[in-house]
Amino acid sequence: MRQLAALTTALTVLAAAPAAAQCGGGFPEFVDGLRAEAVERGHDARQVQSFFGAVRQDQAVLKADRSQGIFQSGFVAFSRKLISQDRIERGRAMAAKYNAVFDRIESEYGIARGVLLAFWAFETDYGTYQGDFNTLNALVTLAHDCRRPELFRPQVFSALELFERGDFDPARTTG
């Protein structure tokens, strides 16, 4: 009976280890794990090293993430703060201006333009606010944080793909 309990405990610990490795722990070790995973996924080791070369944990990102008070409100209060007639009118104008782009996105990815316009409005006010956090530092910091790694970890690897295509500069991209 003791052996069965010990075996069960050992298997539980081993099964939990990969999940625990997905976030938390020491930041340098976490980044090393991301590098190893990127190479395992088929990314070139030199590109991976260059991409993650100067990444650092950003405590200001964590502070900002935890102080987003707008998410404490109910939907009606939330929507009143974010939805204005001006945003609606600019959304209509952007939808018309980028109609061909939205058509292509809807066709290729199945994402409705209204959804994209809403995120574009709320996240950047249609591109007028781009943020001032280093994007790679922010993504890796939030993936390491363990509050929502399932949201940010895939974004780290998407940023790596953009980097490999030449569309992302880890040293200069902000958000």
N, C-alpha and C. Protein backbone atom coordinates (compact mmCIF):
# COMPACT_ATOMS: atom_id res chain seq x y z
N MET A 1 0.82 -1.19 0.00
CA MET A 1 0.00 0.00 0.00
C MET A 1 0.87 1.26 0.00
N ARG A 2 1.95 1.27 0.81
CA ARG A 2 2.86 2.42 0.85
C ARG A 2 3.52 2.62 -0.51
N GLN A 3 3.88 1.51 -1.14
CA GLN A 3 4.53 1.63 -2.44
C GLN A 3 3.57 2.23 -3.47
N LEU A 4 2.32 1.83 -3.42
CA LEU A 4 1.32 2.38 -4.33
C LEU A 4 1.14 3.88 -4.08
N ALA A 5 1.10 4.29 -2.82
CA ALA A 5 0.97 5.71 -2.48
C ALA A 5 2.19 6.48 -2.97
N ALA A 6 3.38 5.91 -2.77
CA ALA A 6 4.61 6.58 -3.21
C ALA A 6 4.64 6.69 -4.73
N LEU A 7 4.24 5.63 -5.41
CA LEU A 7 4.20 5.65 -6.86
C LEU A 7 3.20 6.68 -7.37
N THR A 8 2.04 6.74 -6.74
CA THR A 8 1.01 7.71 -7.12
C THR A 8 1.53 9.13 -6.92
N THR A 9 2.19 9.38 -5.79
CA THR A 9 2.75 10.70 -5.52
C THR A 9 3.81 11.06 -6.55
N ALA A 10 4.69 10.12 -6.85
CA ALA A 10 5.76 10.37 -7.83
C ALA A 10 5.18 10.67 -9.20
N LEU A 11 4.19 9.91 -9.62
CA LEU A 11 3.58 10.14 -10.92
C LEU A 11 2.86 11.49 -10.97
N THR A 12 2.22 11.86 -9.87
CA THR A 12 1.55 13.16 -9.81
C THR A 12 2.55 14.29 -9.94
N VAL A 13 3.68 14.19 -9.23
CA VAL A 13 4.72 15.21 -9.30
C VAL A 13 5.30 15.28 -10.71
N LEU A 14 5.58 14.13 -11.31
CA LEU A 14 6.13 14.11 -12.66
C LEU A 14 5.15 14.67 -13.68
N ALA A 15 3.88 14.37 -13.52
CA ALA A 15 2.88 14.87 -14.45
C ALA A 15 2.72 16.38 -14.31
N ALA A 16 2.88 16.90 -13.09
CA ALA A 16 2.73 18.33 -12.87
C ALA A 16 3.97 19.11 -13.29
N ALA A 17 5.11 18.47 -13.40
CA ALA A 17 6.36 19.18 -13.72
C ALA A 17 6.30 19.95 -15.02
N PRO A 18 5.82 19.36 -16.13
CA PRO A 18 5.76 20.15 -17.36
C PRO A 18 4.85 21.37 -17.23
N ALA A 19 3.73 21.21 -16.53
CA ALA A 19 2.84 22.35 -16.36
C ALA A 19 3.52 23.44 -15.54
N ALA A 20 4.23 23.07 -14.50
CA ALA A 20 4.91 24.04 -13.66
C ALA A 20 6.02 24.74 -14.44
N ALA A 21 6.63 24.05 -15.38
CA ALA A 21 7.71 24.64 -16.16
C ALA A 21 7.19 25.69 -17.15
N GLN A 22 5.89 25.77 -17.32
CA GLN A 22 5.31 26.70 -18.28
C GLN A 22 5.35 28.15 -17.79
N CYS A 23 5.54 28.37 -16.50
CA CYS A 23 5.59 29.73 -15.97
C CYS A 23 6.32 29.69 -14.62
N GLY A 24 6.68 30.86 -14.14
CA GLY A 24 7.27 30.97 -12.81
C GLY A 24 8.70 30.49 -12.73
N GLY A 25 9.19 30.35 -11.50
CA GLY A 25 10.59 29.98 -11.26
C GLY A 25 11.49 31.18 -11.52
N GLY A 26 12.77 30.90 -11.63
CA GLY A 26 13.71 31.97 -11.93
C GLY A 26 13.52 32.46 -13.36
N PHE A 27 13.59 33.76 -13.55
CA PHE A 27 13.36 34.31 -14.89
C PHE A 27 14.39 33.83 -15.90
N PRO A 28 15.71 33.84 -15.58
CA PRO A 28 16.69 33.35 -16.57
C PRO A 28 16.44 31.89 -16.97
N GLU A 29 16.06 31.07 -16.00
CA GLU A 29 15.78 29.67 -16.31
C GLU A 29 14.52 29.54 -17.17
N PHE A 30 13.55 30.40 -16.89
CA PHE A 30 12.33 30.40 -17.70
C PHE A 30 12.65 30.74 -19.15
N VAL A 31 13.47 31.76 -19.35
CA VAL A 31 13.85 32.16 -20.72
C VAL A 31 14.65 31.04 -21.39
N ASP A 32 15.53 30.39 -20.63
CA ASP A 32 16.26 29.24 -21.19
C ASP A 32 15.29 28.16 -21.66
N GLY A 33 14.21 27.95 -20.89
CA GLY A 33 13.19 26.98 -21.29
C GLY A 33 12.48 27.39 -22.57
N LEU A 34 12.21 28.69 -22.72
CA LEU A 34 11.59 29.18 -23.95
C LEU A 34 12.53 28.97 -25.14
N ARG A 35 13.82 29.26 -24.92
CA ARG A 35 14.80 29.05 -26.00
C ARG A 35 14.81 27.58 -26.44
N ALA A 36 14.88 26.69 -25.46
CA ALA A 36 14.92 25.25 -25.76
C ALA A 36 13.65 24.82 -26.49
N GLU A 37 12.51 25.32 -26.04
CA GLU A 37 11.25 24.96 -26.70
C GLU A 37 11.21 25.49 -28.12
N ALA A 38 11.72 26.69 -28.34
CA ALA A 38 11.74 27.27 -29.69
C ALA A 38 12.57 26.40 -30.63
N VAL A 39 13.72 25.97 -30.16
CA VAL A 39 14.58 25.11 -30.99
C VAL A 39 13.88 23.77 -31.24
N GLU A 40 13.22 23.22 -30.20
CA GLU A 40 12.48 21.98 -30.37
C GLU A 40 11.36 22.13 -31.40
N ARG A 41 10.81 23.31 -31.49
CA ARG A 41 9.75 23.58 -32.46
C ARG A 41 10.29 23.78 -33.87
N GLY A 42 11.61 23.76 -34.02
CA GLY A 42 12.21 23.86 -35.34
C GLY A 42 12.79 25.20 -35.70
N HIS A 43 12.83 26.13 -34.76
CA HIS A 43 13.43 27.44 -35.04
C HIS A 43 14.95 27.34 -34.99
N ASP A 44 15.61 28.10 -35.84
CA ASP A 44 17.06 28.12 -35.90
C ASP A 44 17.64 28.62 -34.59
N ALA A 45 18.62 27.89 -34.04
CA ALA A 45 19.19 28.22 -32.73
C ALA A 45 19.81 29.61 -32.71
N ARG A 46 20.44 30.03 -33.80
CA ARG A 46 21.04 31.38 -33.83
C ARG A 46 19.97 32.46 -33.82
N GLN A 47 18.89 32.21 -34.57
CA GLN A 47 17.77 33.16 -34.57
C GLN A 47 17.15 33.25 -33.17
N VAL A 48 16.98 32.11 -32.55
CA VAL A 48 16.40 32.05 -31.21
C VAL A 48 17.27 32.83 -30.22
N GLN A 49 18.58 32.61 -30.29
CA GLN A 49 19.49 33.31 -29.40
C GLN A 49 19.43 34.81 -29.63
N SER A 50 19.38 35.22 -30.88
CA SER A 50 19.29 36.64 -31.20
C SER A 50 17.98 37.24 -30.70
N PHE A 51 16.91 36.52 -30.89
CA PHE A 51 15.58 36.98 -30.48
C PHE A 51 15.50 37.18 -28.97
N PHE A 52 15.94 36.19 -28.21
CA PHE A 52 15.84 36.27 -26.76
C PHE A 52 17.07 36.92 -26.11
N GLY A 53 18.04 37.34 -26.93
CA GLY A 53 19.33 37.80 -26.42
C GLY A 53 19.30 38.79 -25.29
N ALA A 54 18.49 39.84 -25.39
CA ALA A 54 18.51 40.89 -24.38
C ALA A 54 17.20 40.97 -23.59
N VAL A 55 16.38 39.92 -23.66
CA VAL A 55 15.10 39.96 -22.97
C VAL A 55 15.32 40.09 -21.46
N ARG A 56 14.46 40.90 -20.83
CA ARG A 56 14.55 41.06 -19.38
C ARG A 56 13.16 41.14 -18.79
N GLN A 57 13.07 40.79 -17.54
CA GLN A 57 11.80 40.87 -16.83
C GLN A 57 11.50 42.35 -16.55
N ASP A 58 10.26 42.74 -16.74
CA ASP A 58 9.87 44.13 -16.58
C ASP A 58 8.80 44.25 -15.49
N GLN A 59 9.22 44.70 -14.31
CA GLN A 59 8.30 44.82 -13.18
C GLN A 59 7.21 45.87 -13.45
N ALA A 60 7.52 46.88 -14.27
CA ALA A 60 6.52 47.90 -14.59
C ALA A 60 5.36 47.28 -15.39
N VAL A 61 5.65 46.27 -16.19
CA VAL A 61 4.59 45.57 -16.93
C VAL A 61 3.66 44.86 -15.95
N LEU A 62 4.25 44.18 -14.97
CA LEU A 62 3.43 43.48 -13.98
C LEU A 62 2.57 44.47 -13.19
N LYS A 63 3.16 45.58 -12.81
CA LYS A 63 2.41 46.60 -12.05
C LYS A 63 1.25 47.13 -12.90
N ALA A 64 1.51 47.44 -14.15
CA ALA A 64 0.46 47.96 -15.04
C ALA A 64 -0.62 46.90 -15.26
N ASP A 65 -0.21 45.66 -15.44
CA ASP A 65 -1.17 44.58 -15.68
C ASP A 65 -2.10 44.40 -14.48
N ARG A 66 -1.54 44.49 -13.30
CA ARG A 66 -2.34 44.27 -12.09
C ARG A 66 -3.19 45.48 -11.70
N SER A 67 -2.93 46.62 -12.31
CA SER A 67 -3.68 47.81 -11.90
C SER A 67 -4.69 48.24 -12.96
N GLN A 68 -5.08 47.36 -13.83
CA GLN A 68 -6.09 47.69 -14.84
C GLN A 68 -7.47 47.62 -14.19
N GLY A 69 -7.83 48.68 -13.51
CA GLY A 69 -9.07 48.74 -12.75
C GLY A 69 -10.32 48.65 -13.58
N ILE A 70 -10.23 48.96 -14.86
CA ILE A 70 -11.41 48.94 -15.71
C ILE A 70 -12.04 47.54 -15.76
N PHE A 71 -11.22 46.52 -15.53
CA PHE A 71 -11.74 45.16 -15.59
C PHE A 71 -12.46 44.76 -14.29
N GLN A 72 -12.52 45.68 -13.33
CA GLN A 72 -13.24 45.42 -12.09
C GLN A 72 -14.72 45.79 -12.23
N SER A 73 -15.08 46.50 -13.30
CA SER A 73 -16.46 46.95 -13.47
C SER A 73 -17.29 45.90 -14.20
N GLY A 74 -18.61 46.05 -14.07
CA GLY A 74 -19.52 45.23 -14.84
C GLY A 74 -19.52 45.66 -16.30
N PHE A 75 -20.21 44.91 -17.14
CA PHE A 75 -20.17 45.19 -18.58
C PHE A 75 -20.72 46.58 -18.91
N VAL A 76 -21.83 46.99 -18.29
CA VAL A 76 -22.44 48.28 -18.64
C VAL A 76 -21.48 49.42 -18.31
N ALA A 77 -20.91 49.40 -17.10
CA ALA A 77 -19.96 50.46 -16.72
C ALA A 77 -18.72 50.41 -17.61
N PHE A 78 -18.24 49.20 -17.88
CA PHE A 78 -17.08 49.00 -18.75
C PHE A 78 -17.36 49.59 -20.14
N SER A 79 -18.50 49.25 -20.71
CA SER A 79 -18.81 49.71 -22.06
C SER A 79 -19.02 51.21 -22.11
N ARG A 80 -19.59 51.80 -21.08
CA ARG A 80 -19.79 53.26 -21.06
C ARG A 80 -18.46 54.00 -21.06
N LYS A 81 -17.45 53.40 -20.44
CA LYS A 81 -16.13 54.04 -20.40
C LYS A 81 -15.41 53.92 -21.74
N LEU A 82 -15.67 52.84 -22.47
CA LEU A 82 -14.91 52.58 -23.69
C LEU A 82 -15.63 52.89 -24.99
N ILE A 83 -16.93 52.85 -24.99
CA ILE A 83 -17.68 53.05 -26.23
C ILE A 83 -18.21 54.49 -26.25
N SER A 84 -17.77 55.22 -27.25
CA SER A 84 -18.23 56.60 -27.42
C SER A 84 -18.71 56.77 -28.86
N GLN A 85 -19.46 57.82 -29.10
CA GLN A 85 -19.92 58.10 -30.46
C GLN A 85 -18.73 58.33 -31.38
N ASP A 86 -17.70 59.01 -30.86
CA ASP A 86 -16.50 59.26 -31.66
C ASP A 86 -15.84 57.94 -32.08
N ARG A 87 -15.72 57.01 -31.16
CA ARG A 87 -15.12 55.71 -31.50
C ARG A 87 -15.96 54.97 -32.53
N ILE A 88 -17.26 55.04 -32.39
CA ILE A 88 -18.14 54.38 -33.35
C ILE A 88 -17.97 54.99 -34.74
N GLU A 89 -17.94 56.32 -34.80
CA GLU A 89 -17.78 56.99 -36.10
C GLU A 89 -16.41 56.70 -36.71
N ARG A 90 -15.36 56.74 -35.89
CA ARG A 90 -14.03 56.42 -36.42
C ARG A 90 -13.95 54.96 -36.84
N GLY A 91 -14.66 54.08 -36.14
CA GLY A 91 -14.73 52.68 -36.53
C GLY A 91 -15.36 52.50 -37.90
N ARG A 92 -16.42 53.22 -38.14
CA ARG A 92 -17.07 53.16 -39.46
C ARG A 92 -16.10 53.65 -40.55
N ALA A 93 -15.40 54.75 -40.24
CA ALA A 93 -14.45 55.29 -41.22
C ALA A 93 -13.31 54.31 -41.48
N MET A 94 -12.79 53.69 -40.43
CA MET A 94 -11.69 52.72 -40.59
C MET A 94 -12.18 51.48 -41.33
N ALA A 95 -13.41 51.05 -41.06
CA ALA A 95 -13.97 49.89 -41.77
C ALA A 95 -14.05 50.18 -43.26
N ALA A 96 -14.46 51.40 -43.61
CA ALA A 96 -14.55 51.77 -45.03
C ALA A 96 -13.15 51.91 -45.64
N LYS A 97 -12.26 52.56 -44.93
CA LYS A 97 -10.90 52.80 -45.45
C LYS A 97 -10.16 51.49 -45.70
N TYR A 98 -10.32 50.53 -44.80
CA TYR A 98 -9.59 49.27 -44.90
C TYR A 98 -10.50 48.11 -45.28
N ASN A 99 -11.55 48.41 -46.03
CA ASN A 99 -12.52 47.39 -46.43
C ASN A 99 -11.87 46.17 -47.07
N ALA A 100 -10.94 46.39 -47.99
CA ALA A 100 -10.29 45.26 -48.68
C ALA A 100 -9.48 44.41 -47.70
N VAL A 101 -8.84 45.06 -46.76
CA VAL A 101 -8.05 44.32 -45.75
C VAL A 101 -8.98 43.48 -44.88
N PHE A 102 -10.08 44.08 -44.43
CA PHE A 102 -11.03 43.33 -43.60
C PHE A 102 -11.67 42.19 -44.40
N ASP A 103 -11.95 42.41 -45.68
CA ASP A 103 -12.48 41.33 -46.52
C ASP A 103 -11.51 40.16 -46.56
N ARG A 104 -10.23 40.47 -46.76
CA ARG A 104 -9.21 39.42 -46.84
C ARG A 104 -9.09 38.67 -45.51
N ILE A 105 -9.08 39.40 -44.41
CA ILE A 105 -8.97 38.76 -43.09
C ILE A 105 -10.17 37.87 -42.83
N GLU A 106 -11.36 38.37 -43.15
CA GLU A 106 -12.57 37.55 -42.96
C GLU A 106 -12.51 36.29 -43.81
N SER A 107 -12.05 36.45 -45.05
CA SER A 107 -11.98 35.31 -45.96
C SER A 107 -10.93 34.29 -45.54
N GLU A 108 -9.74 34.78 -45.20
CA GLU A 108 -8.64 33.87 -44.87
C GLU A 108 -8.70 33.30 -43.46
N TYR A 109 -9.17 34.09 -42.50
CA TYR A 109 -9.10 33.67 -41.09
C TYR A 109 -10.47 33.51 -40.42
N GLY A 110 -11.52 33.99 -41.07
CA GLY A 110 -12.85 33.86 -40.50
C GLY A 110 -13.13 34.78 -39.33
N ILE A 111 -12.38 35.86 -39.21
CA ILE A 111 -12.59 36.79 -38.10
C ILE A 111 -13.40 37.98 -38.62
N ALA A 112 -14.50 38.23 -37.97
CA ALA A 112 -15.39 39.31 -38.41
C ALA A 112 -14.74 40.67 -38.18
N ARG A 113 -14.96 41.56 -39.12
CA ARG A 113 -14.38 42.91 -39.02
C ARG A 113 -14.83 43.63 -37.77
N GLY A 114 -16.06 43.41 -37.31
CA GLY A 114 -16.54 44.07 -36.10
C GLY A 114 -15.71 43.70 -34.87
N VAL A 115 -15.32 42.45 -34.80
CA VAL A 115 -14.48 42.00 -33.69
C VAL A 115 -13.12 42.69 -33.76
N LEU A 116 -12.53 42.70 -34.94
CA LEU A 116 -11.22 43.35 -35.10
C LEU A 116 -11.30 44.85 -34.83
N LEU A 117 -12.36 45.49 -35.33
CA LEU A 117 -12.51 46.91 -35.09
C LEU A 117 -12.66 47.23 -33.61
N ALA A 118 -13.40 46.38 -32.89
CA ALA A 118 -13.57 46.60 -31.44
C ALA A 118 -12.24 46.49 -30.71
N PHE A 119 -11.46 45.45 -31.02
CA PHE A 119 -10.15 45.31 -30.38
C PHE A 119 -9.23 46.46 -30.77
N TRP A 120 -9.25 46.84 -32.03
CA TRP A 120 -8.41 47.94 -32.51
C TRP A 120 -8.76 49.23 -31.77
N ALA A 121 -10.07 49.46 -31.58
CA ALA A 121 -10.53 50.65 -30.87
C ALA A 121 -10.08 50.63 -29.41
N PHE A 122 -10.33 49.52 -28.73
CA PHE A 122 -10.06 49.45 -27.29
C PHE A 122 -8.58 49.35 -26.96
N GLU A 123 -7.82 48.66 -27.79
CA GLU A 123 -6.41 48.42 -27.46
C GLU A 123 -5.49 49.56 -27.87
N THR A 124 -5.78 50.22 -29.01
CA THR A 124 -4.85 51.27 -29.49
C THR A 124 -5.56 52.55 -29.92
N ASP A 125 -6.87 52.62 -29.71
CA ASP A 125 -7.65 53.75 -30.19
C ASP A 125 -7.38 53.97 -31.68
N TYR A 126 -7.50 52.89 -32.44
CA TYR A 126 -7.28 52.85 -33.89
C TYR A 126 -5.86 53.26 -34.27
N GLY A 127 -4.92 52.82 -33.48
CA GLY A 127 -3.51 53.04 -33.81
C GLY A 127 -2.93 54.34 -33.29
N THR A 128 -3.71 55.14 -32.58
CA THR A 128 -3.18 56.40 -32.07
C THR A 128 -2.33 56.22 -30.83
N TYR A 129 -2.52 55.10 -30.13
CA TYR A 129 -1.70 54.82 -28.94
C TYR A 129 -1.06 53.45 -29.13
N GLN A 130 0.26 53.43 -29.17
CA GLN A 130 0.98 52.18 -29.39
C GLN A 130 1.62 51.62 -28.12
N GLY A 131 1.62 52.35 -27.05
CA GLY A 131 2.23 51.88 -25.81
C GLY A 131 3.72 52.16 -25.78
N ASP A 132 4.30 52.01 -24.60
CA ASP A 132 5.72 52.32 -24.46
C ASP A 132 6.51 51.23 -23.74
N PHE A 133 5.92 50.06 -23.60
CA PHE A 133 6.64 48.92 -23.04
C PHE A 133 7.34 48.17 -24.16
N ASN A 134 8.54 47.69 -23.92
CA ASN A 134 9.20 46.81 -24.88
C ASN A 134 8.32 45.57 -25.01
N THR A 135 7.88 45.29 -26.22
CA THR A 135 6.90 44.22 -26.44
C THR A 135 7.42 42.85 -26.04
N LEU A 136 8.64 42.52 -26.43
CA LEU A 136 9.16 41.19 -26.08
C LEU A 136 9.32 41.05 -24.57
N ASN A 137 9.87 42.06 -23.92
CA ASN A 137 10.00 42.00 -22.46
C ASN A 137 8.63 41.83 -21.81
N ALA A 138 7.63 42.56 -22.31
CA ALA A 138 6.29 42.47 -21.74
C ALA A 138 5.70 41.07 -21.94
N LEU A 139 5.81 40.52 -23.14
CA LEU A 139 5.24 39.19 -23.40
C LEU A 139 5.90 38.12 -22.55
N VAL A 140 7.23 38.14 -22.49
CA VAL A 140 7.94 37.11 -21.72
C VAL A 140 7.67 37.30 -20.22
N THR A 141 7.63 38.54 -19.77
CA THR A 141 7.32 38.80 -18.36
C THR A 141 5.94 38.27 -18.01
N LEU A 142 4.94 38.53 -18.84
CA LEU A 142 3.58 38.07 -18.56
C LEU A 142 3.44 36.56 -18.73
N ALA A 143 4.19 35.95 -19.63
CA ALA A 143 4.18 34.48 -19.75
C ALA A 143 4.80 33.84 -18.52
N HIS A 144 5.79 34.48 -17.94
CA HIS A 144 6.48 33.97 -16.75
C HIS A 144 5.62 34.15 -15.50
N ASP A 145 4.74 35.12 -15.49
CA ASP A 145 3.98 35.53 -14.30
C ASP A 145 3.05 34.47 -13.73
N CYS A 146 2.60 33.52 -14.46
CA CYS A 146 1.71 32.43 -14.03
C CYS A 146 0.25 32.83 -13.85
N ARG A 147 -0.09 34.08 -14.01
CA ARG A 147 -1.50 34.45 -13.91
C ARG A 147 -2.25 34.06 -15.17
N ARG A 148 -1.62 34.28 -16.34
CA ARG A 148 -2.27 33.97 -17.61
C ARG A 148 -1.25 33.52 -18.65
N PRO A 149 -0.38 32.57 -18.31
CA PRO A 149 0.65 32.17 -19.28
C PRO A 149 0.06 31.59 -20.55
N GLU A 150 -1.11 30.99 -20.46
CA GLU A 150 -1.74 30.40 -21.65
C GLU A 150 -2.11 31.47 -22.67
N LEU A 151 -2.23 32.71 -22.23
CA LEU A 151 -2.51 33.82 -23.13
C LEU A 151 -1.23 34.38 -23.74
N PHE A 152 -0.18 34.51 -22.93
CA PHE A 152 1.02 35.22 -23.39
C PHE A 152 2.10 34.31 -23.97
N ARG A 153 2.20 33.08 -23.52
CA ARG A 153 3.23 32.18 -24.04
C ARG A 153 3.12 31.98 -25.56
N PRO A 154 1.92 31.72 -26.10
CA PRO A 154 1.82 31.58 -27.55
C PRO A 154 2.20 32.87 -28.28
N GLN A 155 1.96 34.02 -27.65
CA GLN A 155 2.32 35.29 -28.27
C GLN A 155 3.83 35.46 -28.37
N VAL A 156 4.57 34.89 -27.41
CA VAL A 156 6.03 34.93 -27.47
C VAL A 156 6.50 34.22 -28.74
N PHE A 157 5.93 33.05 -29.00
CA PHE A 157 6.35 32.28 -30.17
C PHE A 157 5.84 32.90 -31.47
N SER A 158 4.70 33.57 -31.42
CA SER A 158 4.23 34.32 -32.60
C SER A 158 5.17 35.47 -32.89
N ALA A 159 5.64 36.15 -31.84
CA ALA A 159 6.61 37.24 -32.03
C ALA A 159 7.91 36.71 -32.63
N LEU A 160 8.32 35.51 -32.21
CA LEU A 160 9.52 34.89 -32.78
C LEU A 160 9.33 34.67 -34.28
N GLU A 161 8.16 34.19 -34.68
CA GLU A 161 7.90 33.99 -36.11
C GLU A 161 7.94 35.32 -36.86
N LEU A 162 7.38 36.37 -36.28
CA LEU A 162 7.45 37.69 -36.91
C LEU A 162 8.90 38.17 -37.02
N PHE A 163 9.68 37.91 -35.99
CA PHE A 163 11.11 38.27 -35.99
C PHE A 163 11.83 37.56 -37.14
N GLU A 164 11.56 36.27 -37.29
CA GLU A 164 12.21 35.49 -38.35
C GLU A 164 11.83 36.00 -39.75
N ARG A 165 10.64 36.55 -39.88
CA ARG A 165 10.20 37.12 -41.17
C ARG A 165 10.72 38.53 -41.38
N GLY A 166 11.31 39.11 -40.35
CA GLY A 166 11.81 40.48 -40.45
C GLY A 166 10.78 41.53 -40.10
N ASP A 167 9.67 41.13 -39.47
CA ASP A 167 8.59 42.05 -39.15
C ASP A 167 8.55 42.47 -37.68
N PHE A 168 9.56 42.11 -36.90
CA PHE A 168 9.56 42.40 -35.47
C PHE A 168 10.99 42.63 -35.02
N ASP A 169 11.24 43.76 -34.40
CA ASP A 169 12.55 44.07 -33.84
C ASP A 169 12.45 44.03 -32.33
N PRO A 170 12.97 42.99 -31.67
CA PRO A 170 12.84 42.87 -30.22
C PRO A 170 13.40 44.05 -29.44
N ALA A 171 14.37 44.74 -29.99
CA ALA A 171 14.98 45.86 -29.28
C ALA A 171 14.14 47.13 -29.38
N ARG A 172 13.33 47.25 -30.43
CA ARG A 172 12.65 48.53 -30.65
C ARG A 172 11.13 48.47 -30.71
N THR A 173 10.55 47.29 -30.76
CA THR A 173 9.09 47.20 -30.84
C THR A 173 8.48 47.45 -29.47
N THR A 174 7.53 48.37 -29.43
CA THR A 174 6.85 48.67 -28.17
C THR A 174 5.35 48.43 -28.31
N GLY A 175 4.72 48.29 -27.19
CA GLY A 175 3.28 48.08 -27.18
C GLY A 175 2.72 48.32 -25.81
